[in-house]
Amino acid sequence: MGRARSKSDLPTKICPVCQRPFTWRKKWADCWDDVKYCSERCRRHRSQATNEANQ
């Protein structure tokens, strides 16, 4: 068995909607490069973030 990684060693990204950092999750292991939003709520509100950025 391998040793578990500490949470501080996991990769992070910044959510474009809420501007908060979020950390890699095991369920994103196969699609981490495609993950853009920290949560389903932010994904649903993504159009508001693009509208605010364009103004």
N, C-alpha and C. Protein backbone atom coordinates (compact mmCIF):
# COMPACT_ATOMS: atom_id res chain seq x y z
N MET A 1 0.84 -1.20 0.00
CA MET A 1 0.00 0.00 0.00
C MET A 1 0.87 1.25 0.00
N GLY A 2 0.42 2.24 -0.76
CA GLY A 2 1.15 3.50 -0.78
C GLY A 2 0.73 4.39 0.36
N ARG A 3 1.59 5.34 0.63
CA ARG A 3 1.29 6.30 1.71
C ARG A 3 0.34 7.37 1.20
N ALA A 4 -0.58 7.76 2.00
CA ALA A 4 -1.54 8.80 1.61
C ALA A 4 -0.84 10.15 1.52
N ARG A 5 -1.24 10.96 0.56
CA ARG A 5 -0.68 12.29 0.41
C ARG A 5 -1.35 13.23 1.40
N SER A 6 -0.61 14.20 1.85
CA SER A 6 -1.23 15.19 2.73
C SER A 6 -2.03 16.16 1.85
N LYS A 7 -3.02 16.77 2.42
CA LYS A 7 -3.89 17.64 1.65
C LYS A 7 -3.14 18.83 1.05
N SER A 8 -2.10 19.29 1.72
CA SER A 8 -1.33 20.42 1.21
C SER A 8 -0.52 20.06 -0.03
N ASP A 9 -0.32 18.76 -0.28
CA ASP A 9 0.42 18.32 -1.45
C ASP A 9 -0.45 18.16 -2.69
N LEU A 10 -1.75 18.24 -2.55
CA LEU A 10 -2.65 18.04 -3.68
C LEU A 10 -2.69 19.28 -4.56
N PRO A 11 -2.90 19.10 -5.88
CA PRO A 11 -2.97 20.25 -6.77
C PRO A 11 -4.22 21.09 -6.51
N THR A 12 -4.13 22.38 -6.80
CA THR A 12 -5.26 23.29 -6.62
C THR A 12 -5.49 24.10 -7.87
N LYS A 13 -6.68 24.65 -7.98
CA LYS A 13 -7.07 25.57 -9.06
C LYS A 13 -7.89 26.69 -8.44
N ILE A 14 -8.09 27.78 -9.18
CA ILE A 14 -8.93 28.88 -8.74
C ILE A 14 -10.23 28.82 -9.53
N CYS A 15 -11.34 28.84 -8.84
CA CYS A 15 -12.66 28.81 -9.49
C CYS A 15 -12.91 30.17 -10.16
N PRO A 16 -13.28 30.20 -11.44
CA PRO A 16 -13.51 31.47 -12.12
C PRO A 16 -14.78 32.19 -11.66
N VAL A 17 -15.68 31.50 -10.97
CA VAL A 17 -16.92 32.12 -10.51
C VAL A 17 -16.75 32.77 -9.15
N CYS A 18 -16.28 32.01 -8.17
CA CYS A 18 -16.17 32.53 -6.80
C CYS A 18 -14.77 33.01 -6.44
N GLN A 19 -13.81 32.78 -7.34
CA GLN A 19 -12.42 33.21 -7.14
C GLN A 19 -11.75 32.57 -5.92
N ARG A 20 -12.22 31.42 -5.50
CA ARG A 20 -11.63 30.71 -4.37
C ARG A 20 -10.82 29.53 -4.87
N PRO A 21 -9.76 29.18 -4.17
CA PRO A 21 -9.00 27.98 -4.56
C PRO A 21 -9.76 26.71 -4.16
N PHE A 22 -9.65 25.70 -5.00
CA PHE A 22 -10.21 24.40 -4.63
C PHE A 22 -9.18 23.32 -4.94
N THR A 23 -9.29 22.24 -4.20
CA THR A 23 -8.29 21.18 -4.22
C THR A 23 -8.79 19.97 -4.98
N TRP A 24 -7.85 19.25 -5.57
CA TRP A 24 -8.12 18.01 -6.29
C TRP A 24 -8.92 17.05 -5.41
N ARG A 25 -9.86 16.35 -6.05
CA ARG A 25 -10.64 15.32 -5.35
C ARG A 25 -10.49 14.00 -6.10
N LYS A 26 -10.62 12.91 -5.38
CA LYS A 26 -10.42 11.61 -6.00
C LYS A 26 -11.39 11.36 -7.15
N LYS A 27 -12.62 11.88 -7.05
CA LYS A 27 -13.59 11.66 -8.13
C LYS A 27 -13.19 12.40 -9.41
N TRP A 28 -12.26 13.35 -9.30
CA TRP A 28 -11.76 14.09 -10.47
C TRP A 28 -10.45 13.50 -11.00
N ALA A 29 -10.05 12.33 -10.53
CA ALA A 29 -8.76 11.75 -10.90
C ALA A 29 -8.60 11.61 -12.42
N ASP A 30 -9.66 11.21 -13.11
CA ASP A 30 -9.58 10.98 -14.55
C ASP A 30 -9.84 12.22 -15.38
N CYS A 31 -10.35 13.29 -14.77
CA CYS A 31 -10.73 14.45 -15.57
C CYS A 31 -10.26 15.78 -14.96
N TRP A 32 -9.20 15.76 -14.16
CA TRP A 32 -8.74 16.97 -13.46
C TRP A 32 -8.43 18.10 -14.44
N ASP A 33 -7.91 17.79 -15.63
CA ASP A 33 -7.59 18.83 -16.61
C ASP A 33 -8.84 19.54 -17.12
N ASP A 34 -9.98 18.86 -17.08
CA ASP A 34 -11.24 19.44 -17.57
C ASP A 34 -12.04 20.16 -16.49
N VAL A 35 -11.69 19.97 -15.23
CA VAL A 35 -12.43 20.58 -14.12
C VAL A 35 -12.13 22.07 -14.07
N LYS A 36 -13.20 22.90 -14.07
CA LYS A 36 -13.03 24.35 -14.03
C LYS A 36 -13.66 24.99 -12.81
N TYR A 37 -14.70 24.36 -12.28
CA TYR A 37 -15.48 24.95 -11.21
C TYR A 37 -15.37 24.14 -9.94
N CYS A 38 -15.42 24.82 -8.80
CA CYS A 38 -15.24 24.14 -7.51
C CYS A 38 -16.48 23.35 -7.09
N SER A 39 -17.64 23.72 -7.62
CA SER A 39 -18.86 23.06 -7.17
C SER A 39 -19.93 23.11 -8.27
N GLU A 40 -20.96 22.36 -8.06
CA GLU A 40 -22.10 22.37 -8.98
C GLU A 40 -22.76 23.75 -8.99
N ARG A 41 -22.81 24.39 -7.85
CA ARG A 41 -23.40 25.72 -7.74
C ARG A 41 -22.65 26.73 -8.61
N CYS A 42 -21.34 26.70 -8.55
CA CYS A 42 -20.54 27.61 -9.38
C CYS A 42 -20.68 27.27 -10.86
N ARG A 43 -20.76 25.99 -11.18
CA ARG A 43 -20.95 25.59 -12.58
C ARG A 43 -22.26 26.14 -13.13
N ARG A 44 -23.32 26.11 -12.30
CA ARG A 44 -24.62 26.63 -12.73
C ARG A 44 -24.60 28.15 -12.91
N HIS A 45 -23.75 28.84 -12.15
CA HIS A 45 -23.68 30.29 -12.20
C HIS A 45 -22.55 30.80 -13.08
N ARG A 46 -22.03 29.95 -13.96
CA ARG A 46 -20.88 30.33 -14.77
C ARG A 46 -21.17 31.47 -15.74
N SER A 47 -22.39 31.59 -16.22
CA SER A 47 -22.72 32.67 -17.14
C SER A 47 -22.63 34.03 -16.48
N GLN A 48 -22.94 34.11 -15.20
CA GLN A 48 -22.82 35.37 -14.48
C GLN A 48 -21.37 35.80 -14.38
N ALA A 49 -20.47 34.86 -14.22
CA ALA A 49 -19.05 35.19 -14.09
C ALA A 49 -18.50 35.72 -15.41
N THR A 50 -18.94 35.14 -16.53
CA THR A 50 -18.44 35.61 -17.82
C THR A 50 -19.04 36.97 -18.16
N ASN A 51 -20.28 37.21 -17.75
CA ASN A 51 -20.89 38.52 -18.00
C ASN A 51 -20.18 39.62 -17.20
N GLU A 52 -19.83 39.33 -15.95
CA GLU A 52 -19.14 40.31 -15.12
C GLU A 52 -17.73 40.57 -15.65
N ALA A 53 -17.08 39.56 -16.18
CA ALA A 53 -15.72 39.72 -16.68
C ALA A 53 -15.70 40.56 -17.95
N ASN A 54 -16.76 40.50 -18.73
CA ASN A 54 -16.81 41.23 -20.00
C ASN A 54 -17.18 42.69 -19.82
N GLN A 55 -17.68 43.07 -18.66
CA GLN A 55 -18.10 44.46 -18.45
C GLN A 55 -16.97 45.34 -18.03
